[in-house]
């Protein structure tokens, strides 16, 4: 028996076109997403799979998608980082911080 694969497909001129989706080996990190993030993850994954099936996206994009969501899940394990992010959000919402365009000008980008 070979390695299991996730596939998406579509009919094109009465022929089935099937593409494998790589990068979906293990998803044990999903347990660290909160309920809202999990809903967003599944919604975006289904949309991406649909786009791949229609030939609008490359199956290789799934690896990047999963990597980004894995990083989000891993951040959820770090309470200190989450507190820093929440504090930064509060500061920005209160009018603090600097505009990104200004920072780029200051450092010569």
PDB file of N, CA and C in Angstrom:
ATOM      1  N   UNK A   1       0.850  -1.175   0.000  1.00  0.00           N
ATOM      2  CA  UNK A   1       0.000   0.000   0.000  1.00  0.00           C
ATOM      3  C   UNK A   1       0.894   1.236   0.000  1.00  0.00           C
ATOM      4  N   UNK A   2       0.594   2.192  -0.835  1.00  0.00           N
ATOM      5  CA  UNK A   2       1.374   3.421  -0.938  1.00  0.00           C
ATOM      6  C   UNK A   2       1.018   4.426   0.140  1.00  0.00           C
ATOM      7  N   UNK A   3       1.664   5.576   0.067  1.00  0.00           N
ATOM      8  CA  UNK A   3       1.410   6.659   1.007  1.00  0.00           C
ATOM      9  C   UNK A   3       0.080   7.325   0.685  1.00  0.00           C
ATOM     10  N   UNK A   4      -0.778   7.547   1.692  1.00  0.00           N
ATOM     11  CA  UNK A   4      -2.048   8.231   1.422  1.00  0.00           C
ATOM     12  C   UNK A   4      -1.800   9.655   0.939  1.00  0.00           C
ATOM     13  N   UNK A   5      -2.646  10.133   0.042  1.00  0.00           N
ATOM     14  CA  UNK A   5      -2.520  11.485  -0.490  1.00  0.00           C
ATOM     15  C   UNK A   5      -3.871  12.174  -0.471  1.00  0.00           C
ATOM     16  N   UNK A   6      -3.819  13.497  -0.341  1.00  0.00           N
ATOM     17  CA  UNK A   6      -5.026  14.301  -0.467  1.00  0.00           C
ATOM     18  C   UNK A   6      -5.059  14.793  -1.906  1.00  0.00           C
ATOM     19  N   UNK A   7      -6.190  14.613  -2.561  1.00  0.00           N
ATOM     20  CA  UNK A   7      -6.325  15.004  -3.960  1.00  0.00           C
ATOM     21  C   UNK A   7      -7.495  15.964  -4.122  1.00  0.00           C
ATOM     22  N   UNK A   8      -7.383  16.850  -5.114  1.00  0.00           N
ATOM     23  CA  UNK A   8      -8.522  17.650  -5.547  1.00  0.00           C
ATOM     24  C   UNK A   8      -8.675  17.406  -7.032  1.00  0.00           C
ATOM     25  N   UNK A   9      -9.894  17.517  -7.504  1.00  0.00           N
ATOM     26  CA  UNK A   9     -10.099  17.255  -8.921  1.00  0.00           C
ATOM     27  C   UNK A   9     -11.231  18.064  -9.489  1.00  0.00           C
ATOM     28  N   UNK A  10     -11.325  18.018 -10.809  1.00  0.00           N
ATOM     29  CA  UNK A  10     -12.414  18.701 -11.509  1.00  0.00           C
ATOM     30  C   UNK A  10     -12.613  18.019 -12.849  1.00  0.00           C
ATOM     31  N   UNK A  11     -13.791  18.186 -13.399  1.00  0.00           N
ATOM     32  CA  UNK A  11     -14.060  17.678 -14.731  1.00  0.00           C
ATOM     33  C   UNK A  11     -13.748  18.761 -15.742  1.00  0.00           C
ATOM     34  N   UNK A  12     -13.039  18.390 -16.785  1.00  0.00           N
ATOM     35  CA  UNK A  12     -12.681  19.316 -17.846  1.00  0.00           C
ATOM     36  C   UNK A  12     -12.877  18.576 -19.156  1.00  0.00           C
ATOM     37  N   UNK A  13     -13.809  19.032 -19.945  1.00  0.00           N
ATOM     38  CA  UNK A  13     -14.118  18.374 -21.221  1.00  0.00           C
ATOM     39  C   UNK A  13     -14.378  16.880 -21.026  1.00  0.00           C
ATOM     40  N   UNK A  14     -15.228  16.565 -20.047  1.00  0.00           N
ATOM     41  CA  UNK A  14     -15.609  15.195 -19.725  1.00  0.00           C
ATOM     42  C   UNK A  14     -14.445  14.313 -19.277  1.00  0.00           C
ATOM     43  N   UNK A  15     -13.361  14.933 -18.826  1.00  0.00           N
ATOM     44  CA  UNK A  15     -12.241  14.180 -18.275  1.00  0.00           C
ATOM     45  C   UNK A  15     -11.964  14.696 -16.868  1.00  0.00           C
ATOM     46  N   UNK A  16     -11.618  13.784 -15.994  1.00  0.00           N
ATOM     47  CA  UNK A  16     -11.313  14.155 -14.621  1.00  0.00           C
ATOM     48  C   UNK A  16      -9.850  14.557 -14.526  1.00  0.00           C
ATOM     49  N   UNK A  17      -9.598  15.755 -14.024  1.00  0.00           N
ATOM     50  CA  UNK A  17      -8.244  16.242 -13.788  1.00  0.00           C
ATOM     51  C   UNK A  17      -8.025  16.196 -12.283  1.00  0.00           C
ATOM     52  N   UNK A  18      -7.029  15.460 -11.831  1.00  0.00           N
ATOM     53  CA  UNK A  18      -6.768  15.286 -10.408  1.00  0.00           C
ATOM     54  C   UNK A  18      -5.364  15.783 -10.102  1.00  0.00           C
ATOM     55  N   UNK A  19      -5.249  16.539  -9.015  1.00  0.00           N
ATOM     56  CA  UNK A  19      -3.949  17.055  -8.589  1.00  0.00           C
ATOM     57  C   UNK A  19      -3.737  16.696  -7.129  1.00  0.00           C
ATOM     58  N   UNK A  20      -2.537  16.206  -6.789  1.00  0.00           N
ATOM     59  CA  UNK A  20      -2.256  15.922  -5.374  1.00  0.00           C
ATOM     60  C   UNK A  20      -1.948  17.205  -4.617  1.00  0.00           C
ATOM     61  N   UNK A  21      -2.319  17.233  -3.351  1.00  0.00           N
ATOM     62  CA  UNK A  21      -1.987  18.353  -2.475  1.00  0.00           C
ATOM     63  C   UNK A  21      -0.912  17.858  -1.518  1.00  0.00           C
ATOM     64  N   UNK A  22       0.252  18.472  -1.587  1.00  0.00           N
ATOM     65  CA  UNK A  22       1.363  18.058  -0.727  1.00  0.00           C
ATOM     66  C   UNK A  22       1.392  18.918   0.529  1.00  0.00           C
ATOM     67  N   UNK A  23       2.018  18.402   1.564  1.00  0.00           N
ATOM     68  CA  UNK A  23       2.216  19.174   2.777  1.00  0.00           C
ATOM     69  C   UNK A  23       1.231  18.837   3.881  1.00  0.00           C
ATOM     70  N   UNK A  24       0.304  17.940   3.629  1.00  0.00           N
ATOM     71  CA  UNK A  24      -0.716  17.603   4.618  1.00  0.00           C
ATOM     72  C   UNK A  24      -0.366  16.256   5.263  1.00  0.00           C
ATOM     73  N   UNK A  25       0.848  16.162   5.814  1.00  0.00           N
ATOM     74  CA  UNK A  25       1.303  14.914   6.424  1.00  0.00           C
ATOM     75  C   UNK A  25       0.693  14.726   7.804  1.00  0.00           C
ATOM     76  N   UNK A  26       0.942  15.658   8.680  1.00  0.00           N
ATOM     77  CA  UNK A  26       0.398  15.581  10.028  1.00  0.00           C
ATOM     78  C   UNK A  26      -0.126  16.955  10.411  1.00  0.00           C
ATOM     79  N   UNK A  27      -1.193  16.962  11.122  1.00  0.00           N
ATOM     80  CA  UNK A  27      -1.797  18.243  11.500  1.00  0.00           C
ATOM     81  C   UNK A  27      -2.106  18.256  12.989  1.00  0.00           C
ATOM     82  N   UNK A  28      -1.191  17.672  13.791  1.00  0.00           N
ATOM     83  CA  UNK A  28      -1.420  17.647  15.233  1.00  0.00           C
ATOM     84  C   UNK A  28      -1.425  19.042  15.846  1.00  0.00           C
ATOM     85  N   UNK A  29      -0.855  20.019  15.146  1.00  0.00           N
ATOM     86  CA  UNK A  29      -0.807  21.401  15.620  1.00  0.00           C
ATOM     87  C   UNK A  29      -2.177  22.075  15.576  1.00  0.00           C
ATOM     88  N   UNK A  30      -3.141  21.497  14.872  1.00  0.00           N
ATOM     89  CA  UNK A  30      -4.478  22.094  14.786  1.00  0.00           C
ATOM     90  C   UNK A  30      -5.133  22.236  16.160  1.00  0.00           C
ATOM     91  N   UNK A  31      -4.728  21.403  17.106  1.00  0.00           N
ATOM     92  CA  UNK A  31      -5.326  21.455  18.447  1.00  0.00           C
ATOM     93  C   UNK A  31      -5.017  22.766  19.165  1.00  0.00           C
ATOM     94  N   UNK A  32      -4.021  23.515  18.691  1.00  0.00           N
ATOM     95  CA  UNK A  32      -3.655  24.767  19.334  1.00  0.00           C
ATOM     96  C   UNK A  32      -4.374  25.973  18.739  1.00  0.00           C
ATOM     97  N   UNK A  33      -5.197  25.768  17.722  1.00  0.00           N
ATOM     98  CA  UNK A  33      -6.002  26.861  17.182  1.00  0.00           C
ATOM     99  C   UNK A  33      -7.257  26.983  18.022  1.00  0.00           C
ATOM    100  N   UNK A  34      -7.675  28.224  18.292  1.00  0.00           N
ATOM    101  CA  UNK A  34      -8.941  28.372  19.022  1.00  0.00           C
ATOM    102  C   UNK A  34     -10.088  28.121  18.038  1.00  0.00           C
ATOM    103  N   UNK A  35     -11.298  28.098  18.539  1.00  0.00           N
ATOM    104  CA  UNK A  35     -12.461  27.728  17.720  1.00  0.00           C
ATOM    105  C   UNK A  35     -12.622  28.627  16.498  1.00  0.00           C
ATOM    106  N   UNK A  36     -12.475  29.952  16.685  1.00  0.00           N
ATOM    107  CA  UNK A  36     -12.620  30.876  15.558  1.00  0.00           C
ATOM    108  C   UNK A  36     -11.525  30.662  14.520  1.00  0.00           C
ATOM    109  N   UNK A  37     -10.300  30.435  14.990  1.00  0.00           N
ATOM    110  CA  UNK A  37      -9.193  30.192  14.059  1.00  0.00           C
ATOM    111  C   UNK A  37      -9.396  28.888  13.296  1.00  0.00           C
ATOM    112  N   UNK A  38      -9.914  27.882  13.976  1.00  0.00           N
ATOM    113  CA  UNK A  38     -10.144  26.596  13.317  1.00  0.00           C
ATOM    114  C   UNK A  38     -11.192  26.722  12.219  1.00  0.00           C
ATOM    115  N   UNK A  39     -12.238  27.474  12.486  1.00  0.00           N
ATOM    116  CA  UNK A  39     -13.262  27.711  11.456  1.00  0.00           C
ATOM    117  C   UNK A  39     -12.645  28.454  10.274  1.00  0.00           C
ATOM    118  N   UNK A  40     -11.845  29.480  10.561  1.00  0.00           N
ATOM    119  CA  UNK A  40     -11.189  30.245   9.495  1.00  0.00           C
ATOM    120  C   UNK A  40     -10.238  29.357   8.694  1.00  0.00           C
ATOM    121  N   UNK A  41      -9.467  28.508   9.393  1.00  0.00           N
ATOM    122  CA  UNK A  41      -8.536  27.591   8.726  1.00  0.00           C
ATOM    123  C   UNK A  41      -9.280  26.672   7.757  1.00  0.00           C
ATOM    124  N   UNK A  42     -10.345  26.039   8.240  1.00  0.00           N
ATOM    125  CA  UNK A  42     -11.090  25.092   7.401  1.00  0.00           C
ATOM    126  C   UNK A  42     -11.725  25.806   6.207  1.00  0.00           C
ATOM    127  N   UNK A  43     -12.288  26.981   6.456  1.00  0.00           N
ATOM    128  CA  UNK A  43     -12.903  27.750   5.370  1.00  0.00           C
ATOM    129  C   UNK A  43     -11.881  28.090   4.299  1.00  0.00           C
ATOM    130  N   UNK A  44     -10.722  28.591   4.724  1.00  0.00           N
ATOM    131  CA  UNK A  44      -9.678  28.963   3.765  1.00  0.00           C
ATOM    132  C   UNK A  44      -9.105  27.741   3.048  1.00  0.00           C
ATOM    133  N   UNK A  45      -8.957  26.621   3.767  1.00  0.00           N
ATOM    134  CA  UNK A  45      -8.446  25.398   3.141  1.00  0.00           C
ATOM    135  C   UNK A  45      -9.402  24.887   2.070  1.00  0.00           C
ATOM    136  N   UNK A  46     -10.698  24.900   2.367  1.00  0.00           N
ATOM    137  CA  UNK A  46     -11.682  24.460   1.376  1.00  0.00           C
ATOM    138  C   UNK A  46     -11.703  25.386   0.168  1.00  0.00           C
ATOM    139  N   UNK A  47     -11.588  26.701   0.411  1.00  0.00           N
ATOM    140  CA  UNK A  47     -11.541  27.654  -0.699  1.00  0.00           C
ATOM    141  C   UNK A  47     -10.303  27.398  -1.563  1.00  0.00           C
ATOM    142  N   UNK A  48      -9.151  27.185  -0.914  1.00  0.00           N
ATOM    143  CA  UNK A  48      -7.921  26.922  -1.656  1.00  0.00           C
ATOM    144  C   UNK A  48      -8.038  25.630  -2.466  1.00  0.00           C
ATOM    145  N   UNK A  49      -8.602  24.591  -1.859  1.00  0.00           N
ATOM    146  CA  UNK A  49      -8.789  23.326  -2.574  1.00  0.00           C
ATOM    147  C   UNK A  49      -9.700  23.517  -3.785  1.00  0.00           C
ATOM    148  N   UNK A  50     -10.734  24.326  -3.629  1.00  0.00           N
ATOM    149  CA  UNK A  50     -11.639  24.619  -4.743  1.00  0.00           C
ATOM    150  C   UNK A  50     -10.897  25.348  -5.863  1.00  0.00           C
ATOM    151  N   UNK A  51     -10.077  26.313  -5.485  1.00  0.00           N
ATOM    152  CA  UNK A  51      -9.311  27.064  -6.487  1.00  0.00           C
ATOM    153  C   UNK A  51      -8.316  26.158  -7.212  1.00  0.00           C
ATOM    154  N   UNK A  52      -7.708  25.222  -6.485  1.00  0.00           N
ATOM    155  CA  UNK A  52      -6.791  24.269  -7.111  1.00  0.00           C
ATOM    156  C   UNK A  52      -7.559  23.379  -8.073  1.00  0.00           C
ATOM    157  N   UNK A  53      -8.716  22.897  -7.639  1.00  0.00           N
ATOM    158  CA  UNK A  53      -9.528  22.033  -8.488  1.00  0.00           C
ATOM    159  C   UNK A  53      -9.949  22.727  -9.773  1.00  0.00           C
ATOM    160  N   UNK A  54     -10.170  24.039  -9.697  1.00  0.00           N
ATOM    161  CA  UNK A  54     -10.568  24.803 -10.882  1.00  0.00           C
ATOM    162  C   UNK A  54      -9.376  25.229 -11.726  1.00  0.00           C
ATOM    163  N   UNK A  55      -8.164  24.914 -11.262  1.00  0.00           N
ATOM    164  CA  UNK A  55      -6.965  25.271 -12.005  1.00  0.00           C
ATOM    165  C   UNK A  55      -6.518  26.709 -11.808  1.00  0.00           C
ATOM    166  N   UNK A  56      -7.087  27.387 -10.823  1.00  0.00           N
ATOM    167  CA  UNK A  56      -6.746  28.797 -10.578  1.00  0.00           C
ATOM    168  C   UNK A  56      -5.571  28.957  -9.621  1.00  0.00           C
ATOM    169  N   UNK A  57      -5.263  27.928  -8.868  1.00  0.00           N
ATOM    170  CA  UNK A  57      -4.154  27.954  -7.922  1.00  0.00           C
ATOM    171  C   UNK A  57      -3.296  26.713  -8.129  1.00  0.00           C
ATOM    172  N   UNK A  58      -2.038  26.832  -7.756  1.00  0.00           N
ATOM    173  CA  UNK A  58      -1.092  25.738  -7.856  1.00  0.00           C
ATOM    174  C   UNK A  58      -1.172  24.893  -6.590  1.00  0.00           C
ATOM    175  N   UNK A  59      -1.195  23.562  -6.691  1.00  0.00           N
ATOM    176  CA  UNK A  59      -1.248  22.722  -5.499  1.00  0.00           C
ATOM    177  C   UNK A  59      -0.092  22.985  -4.522  1.00  0.00           C
ATOM    178  N   UNK A  60       1.025  23.473  -5.022  1.00  0.00           N
ATOM    179  CA  UNK A  60       2.173  23.756  -4.154  1.00  0.00           C
ATOM    180  C   UNK A  60       1.865  24.866  -3.146  1.00  0.00           C
ATOM    181  N   UNK A  61       0.849  25.680  -3.403  1.00  0.00           N
ATOM    182  CA  UNK A  61       0.488  26.765  -2.484  1.00  0.00           C
ATOM    183  C   UNK A  61      -0.036  26.237  -1.149  1.00  0.00           C
ATOM    184  N   UNK A  62      -0.459  24.986  -1.135  1.00  0.00           N
ATOM    185  CA  UNK A  62      -0.979  24.408   0.105  1.00  0.00           C
ATOM    186  C   UNK A  62       0.126  24.326   1.158  1.00  0.00           C
ATOM    187  N   UNK A  63       1.345  24.015   0.740  1.00  0.00           N
ATOM    188  CA  UNK A  63       2.449  23.913   1.699  1.00  0.00           C
ATOM    189  C   UNK A  63       2.665  25.243   2.415  1.00  0.00           C
ATOM    190  N   UNK A  64       2.651  26.342   1.686  1.00  0.00           N
ATOM    191  CA  UNK A  64       2.815  27.664   2.299  1.00  0.00           C
ATOM    192  C   UNK A  64       1.629  27.971   3.213  1.00  0.00           C
ATOM    193  N   UNK A  65       0.427  27.696   2.743  1.00  0.00           N
ATOM    194  CA  UNK A  65      -0.786  27.914   3.533  1.00  0.00           C
ATOM    195  C   UNK A  65      -0.702  27.175   4.866  1.00  0.00           C
ATOM    196  N   UNK A  66      -0.341  25.884   4.809  1.00  0.00           N
ATOM    197  CA  UNK A  66      -0.259  25.084   6.024  1.00  0.00           C
ATOM    198  C   UNK A  66       0.862  25.571   6.938  1.00  0.00           C
ATOM    199  N   UNK A  67       1.964  25.976   6.359  1.00  0.00           N
ATOM    200  CA  UNK A  67       3.088  26.489   7.147  1.00  0.00           C
ATOM    201  C   UNK A  67       2.692  27.743   7.923  1.00  0.00           C
ATOM    202  N   UNK A  68       1.987  28.650   7.260  1.00  0.00           N
ATOM    203  CA  UNK A  68       1.553  29.883   7.920  1.00  0.00           C
ATOM    204  C   UNK A  68       0.574  29.587   9.058  1.00  0.00           C
ATOM    205  N   UNK A  69      -0.359  28.674   8.824  1.00  0.00           N
ATOM    206  CA  UNK A  69      -1.322  28.328   9.875  1.00  0.00           C
ATOM    207  C   UNK A  69      -0.647  27.571  11.012  1.00  0.00           C
ATOM    208  N   UNK A  70       0.356  26.754  10.686  1.00  0.00           N
ATOM    209  CA  UNK A  70       1.096  26.043  11.734  1.00  0.00           C
ATOM    210  C   UNK A  70       1.811  27.046  12.638  1.00  0.00           C
ATOM    211  N   UNK A  71       2.400  28.065  12.047  1.00  0.00           N
ATOM    212  CA  UNK A  71       3.066  29.099  12.844  1.00  0.00           C
ATOM    213  C   UNK A  71       2.077  29.805  13.768  1.00  0.00           C
ATOM    214  N   UNK A  72       0.877  30.082  13.260  1.00  0.00           N
ATOM    215  CA  UNK A  72      -0.164  30.692  14.094  1.00  0.00           C
ATOM    216  C   UNK A  72      -0.498  29.786  15.269  1.00  0.00           C
ATOM    217  N   UNK A  73      -0.656  28.503  14.994  1.00  0.00           N
ATOM    218  CA  UNK A  73      -0.988  27.550  16.056  1.00  0.00           C
ATOM    219  C   UNK A  73       0.129  27.474  17.085  1.00  0.00           C
ATOM    220  N   UNK A  74       1.368  27.455  16.635  1.00  0.00           N
ATOM    221  CA  UNK A  74       2.495  27.374  17.561  1.00  0.00           C
ATOM    222  C   UNK A  74       2.598  28.626  18.419  1.00  0.00           C
ATOM    223  N   UNK A  75       2.262  29.789  17.841  1.00  0.00           N
ATOM    224  CA  UNK A  75       2.257  31.022  18.635  1.00  0.00           C
ATOM    225  C   UNK A  75       1.242  30.944  19.772  1.00  0.00           C
ATOM    226  N   UNK A  76       0.147  30.254  19.523  1.00  0.00           N
ATOM    227  CA  UNK A  76      -0.881  30.116  20.558  1.00  0.00           C
ATOM    228  C   UNK A  76      -0.366  29.372  21.787  1.00  0.00           C
ATOM    229  N   UNK A  77       0.734  28.673  21.650  1.00  0.00           N
ATOM    230  CA  UNK A  77       1.342  27.965  22.777  1.00  0.00           C
ATOM    231  C   UNK A  77       2.223  28.878  23.615  1.00  0.00           C
ATOM    232  N   UNK A  78       2.493  30.057  23.141  1.00  0.00           N
ATOM    233  CA  UNK A  78       3.420  30.971  23.807  1.00  0.00           C
ATOM    234  C   UNK A  78       2.653  32.135  24.436  1.00  0.00           C
ATOM    235  N   UNK A  79       2.218  32.014  25.682  1.00  0.00           N
ATOM    236  CA  UNK A  79       1.415  33.068  26.308  1.00  0.00           C
ATOM    237  C   UNK A  79       2.139  34.419  26.370  1.00  0.00           C
ATOM    238  N   UNK A  80       3.464  34.405  26.551  1.00  0.00           N
ATOM    239  CA  UNK A  80       4.217  35.668  26.609  1.00  0.00           C
ATOM    240  C   UNK A  80       4.135  36.415  25.279  1.00  0.00           C
ATOM    241  N   UNK A  81       4.259  35.674  24.193  1.00  0.00           N
ATOM    242  CA  UNK A  81       4.181  36.297  22.865  1.00  0.00           C
ATOM    243  C   UNK A  81       2.778  36.826  22.618  1.00  0.00           C
ATOM    244  N   UNK A  82       1.764  36.043  23.002  1.00  0.00           N
ATOM    245  CA  UNK A  82       0.378  36.486  22.817  1.00  0.00           C
ATOM    246  C   UNK A  82       0.095  37.753  23.616  1.00  0.00           C
ATOM    247  N   UNK A  83       0.645  37.834  24.825  1.00  0.00           N
ATOM    248  CA  UNK A  83       0.470  39.051  25.628  1.00  0.00           C
ATOM    249  C   UNK A  83       1.134  40.248  24.956  1.00  0.00           C
ATOM    250  N   UNK A  84       2.345  40.042  24.403  1.00  0.00           N
ATOM    251  CA  UNK A  84       3.043  41.119  23.697  1.00  0.00           C
ATOM    252  C   UNK A  84       2.242  41.595  22.483  1.00  0.00           C
ATOM    253  N   UNK A  85       1.661  40.650  21.750  1.00  0.00           N
ATOM    254  CA  UNK A  85       0.861  41.000  20.570  1.00  0.00           C
ATOM    255  C   UNK A  85      -0.376  41.785  20.988  1.00  0.00           C
ATOM    256  N   UNK A  86      -1.046  41.331  22.057  1.00  0.00           N
ATOM    257  CA  UNK A  86      -2.242  42.030  22.550  1.00  0.00           C
ATOM    258  C   UNK A  86      -1.889  43.436  23.005  1.00  0.00           C
ATOM    259  N   UNK A  87      -0.754  43.582  23.688  1.00  0.00           N
ATOM    260  CA  UNK A  87      -0.312  44.898  24.154  1.00  0.00           C
ATOM    261  C   UNK A  87       0.002  45.816  22.965  1.00  0.00           C
ATOM    262  N   UNK A  88       0.647  45.278  21.952  1.00  0.00           N
ATOM    263  CA  UNK A  88       0.965  46.067  20.752  1.00  0.00           C
ATOM    264  C   UNK A  88      -0.320  46.490  20.038  1.00  0.00           C
ATOM    265  N   UNK A  89      -1.303  45.590  19.959  1.00  0.00           N
ATOM    266  CA  UNK A  89      -2.589  45.933  19.341  1.00  0.00           C
ATOM    267  C   UNK A  89      -3.264  47.076  20.084  1.00  0.00           C
ATOM    268  N   UNK A  90      -3.239  47.007  21.429  1.00  0.00           N
ATOM    269  CA  UNK A  90      -3.831  48.075  22.238  1.00  0.00           C
ATOM    270  C   UNK A  90      -3.137  49.406  21.961  1.00  0.00           C
ATOM    271  N   UNK A  91      -1.807  49.370  21.922  1.00  0.00           N
ATOM    272  CA  UNK A  91      -1.033  50.590  21.679  1.00  0.00           C
ATOM    273  C   UNK A  91      -1.364  51.179  20.311  1.00  0.00           C
ATOM    274  N   UNK A  92      -1.426  50.329  19.297  1.00  0.00           N
ATOM    275  CA  UNK A  92      -1.752  50.816  17.946  1.00  0.00           C
ATOM    276  C   UNK A  92      -3.170  51.371  17.881  1.00  0.00           C
ATOM    277  N   UNK A  93      -4.111  50.685  18.519  1.00  0.00           N
ATOM    278  CA  UNK A  93      -5.503  51.144  18.519  1.00  0.00           C
ATOM    279  C   UNK A  93      -5.675  52.456  19.273  1.00  0.00           C
ATOM    280  N   UNK A  94      -4.769  52.726  20.214  1.00  0.00           N
ATOM    281  CA  UNK A  94      -4.824  53.970  20.983  1.00  0.00           C
ATOM    282  C   UNK A  94      -4.070  55.097  20.279  1.00  0.00           C
ATOM    283  N   UNK A  95      -3.587  54.827  19.066  1.00  0.00           N
ATOM    284  CA  UNK A  95      -2.886  55.857  18.308  1.00  0.00           C
ATOM    285  C   UNK A  95      -1.380  55.853  18.489  1.00  0.00           C
ATOM    286  N   UNK A  96      -0.857  54.869  19.182  1.00  0.00           N
ATOM    287  CA  UNK A  96       0.583  54.766  19.379  1.00  0.00           C
ATOM    288  C   UNK A  96       1.254  54.112  18.190  1.00  0.00           C
ATOM    289  N   UNK A  97       2.556  53.950  18.301  1.00  0.00           N
ATOM    290  CA  UNK A  97       3.314  53.306  17.236  1.00  0.00           C
ATOM    291  C   UNK A  97       3.637  54.269  16.113  1.00  0.00           C
ATOM    292  N   UNK A  98       4.302  53.739  15.094  1.00  0.00           N
ATOM    293  CA  UNK A  98       4.686  54.539  13.938  1.00  0.00           C
ATOM    294  C   UNK A  98       4.104  53.933  12.674  1.00  0.00           C
ATOM    295  N   UNK A  99       3.835  54.776  11.724  1.00  0.00           N
ATOM    296  CA  UNK A  99       3.346  54.365  10.418  1.00  0.00           C
ATOM    297  C   UNK A  99       4.455  53.597   9.694  1.00  0.00           C
ATOM    298  N   UNK A 100       4.103  52.479   9.054  1.00  0.00           N
ATOM    299  CA  UNK A 100       5.079  51.655   8.352  1.00  0.00           C
ATOM    300  C   UNK A 100       5.796  52.441   7.254  1.00  0.00           C
ATOM    301  N   UNK A 101       5.103  53.288   6.542  1.00  0.00           N
ATOM    302  CA  UNK A 101       5.732  54.096   5.486  1.00  0.00           C
ATOM    303  C   UNK A 101       6.808  55.010   6.087  1.00  0.00           C
ATOM    304  N   UNK A 102       6.527  55.581   7.255  1.00  0.00           N
ATOM    305  CA  UNK A 102       7.495  56.445   7.936  1.00  0.00           C
ATOM    306  C   UNK A 102       8.730  55.636   8.361  1.00  0.00           C
ATOM    307  N   UNK A 103       8.516  54.466   8.895  1.00  0.00           N
ATOM    308  CA  UNK A 103       9.650  53.628   9.317  1.00  0.00           C
ATOM    309  C   UNK A 103      10.516  53.278   8.119  1.00  0.00           C
ATOM    310  N   UNK A 104       9.895  52.919   6.993  1.00  0.00           N
ATOM    311  CA  UNK A 104      10.675  52.590   5.798  1.00  0.00           C
ATOM    312  C   UNK A 104      11.501  53.779   5.336  1.00  0.00           C
ATOM    313  N   UNK A 105      10.922  54.976   5.385  1.00  0.00           N
ATOM    314  CA  UNK A 105      11.692  56.183   4.995  1.00  0.00           C
ATOM    315  C   UNK A 105      12.860  56.400   5.948  1.00  0.00           C
ATOM    316  N   UNK A 106      12.619  56.194   7.244  1.00  0.00           N
ATOM    317  CA  UNK A 106      13.671  56.400   8.238  1.00  0.00           C
ATOM    318  C   UNK A 106      14.842  55.455   8.057  1.00  0.00           C
ATOM    319  N   UNK A 107      14.571  54.232   7.615  1.00  0.00           N
ATOM    320  CA  UNK A 107      15.675  53.268   7.445  1.00  0.00           C
ATOM    321  C   UNK A 107      16.146  53.170   6.005  1.00  0.00           C
ATOM    322  N   UNK A 108      15.586  53.995   5.140  1.00  0.00           N
ATOM    323  CA  UNK A 108      16.060  54.075   3.756  1.00  0.00           C
ATOM    324  C   UNK A 108      15.559  53.007   2.812  1.00  0.00           C
ATOM    325  N   UNK A 109      14.363  52.510   3.053  1.00  0.00           N
ATOM    326  CA  UNK A 109      13.797  51.514   2.121  1.00  0.00           C
ATOM    327  C   UNK A 109      12.871  52.158   1.126  1.00  0.00           C
TER     328      UNK A 109
END
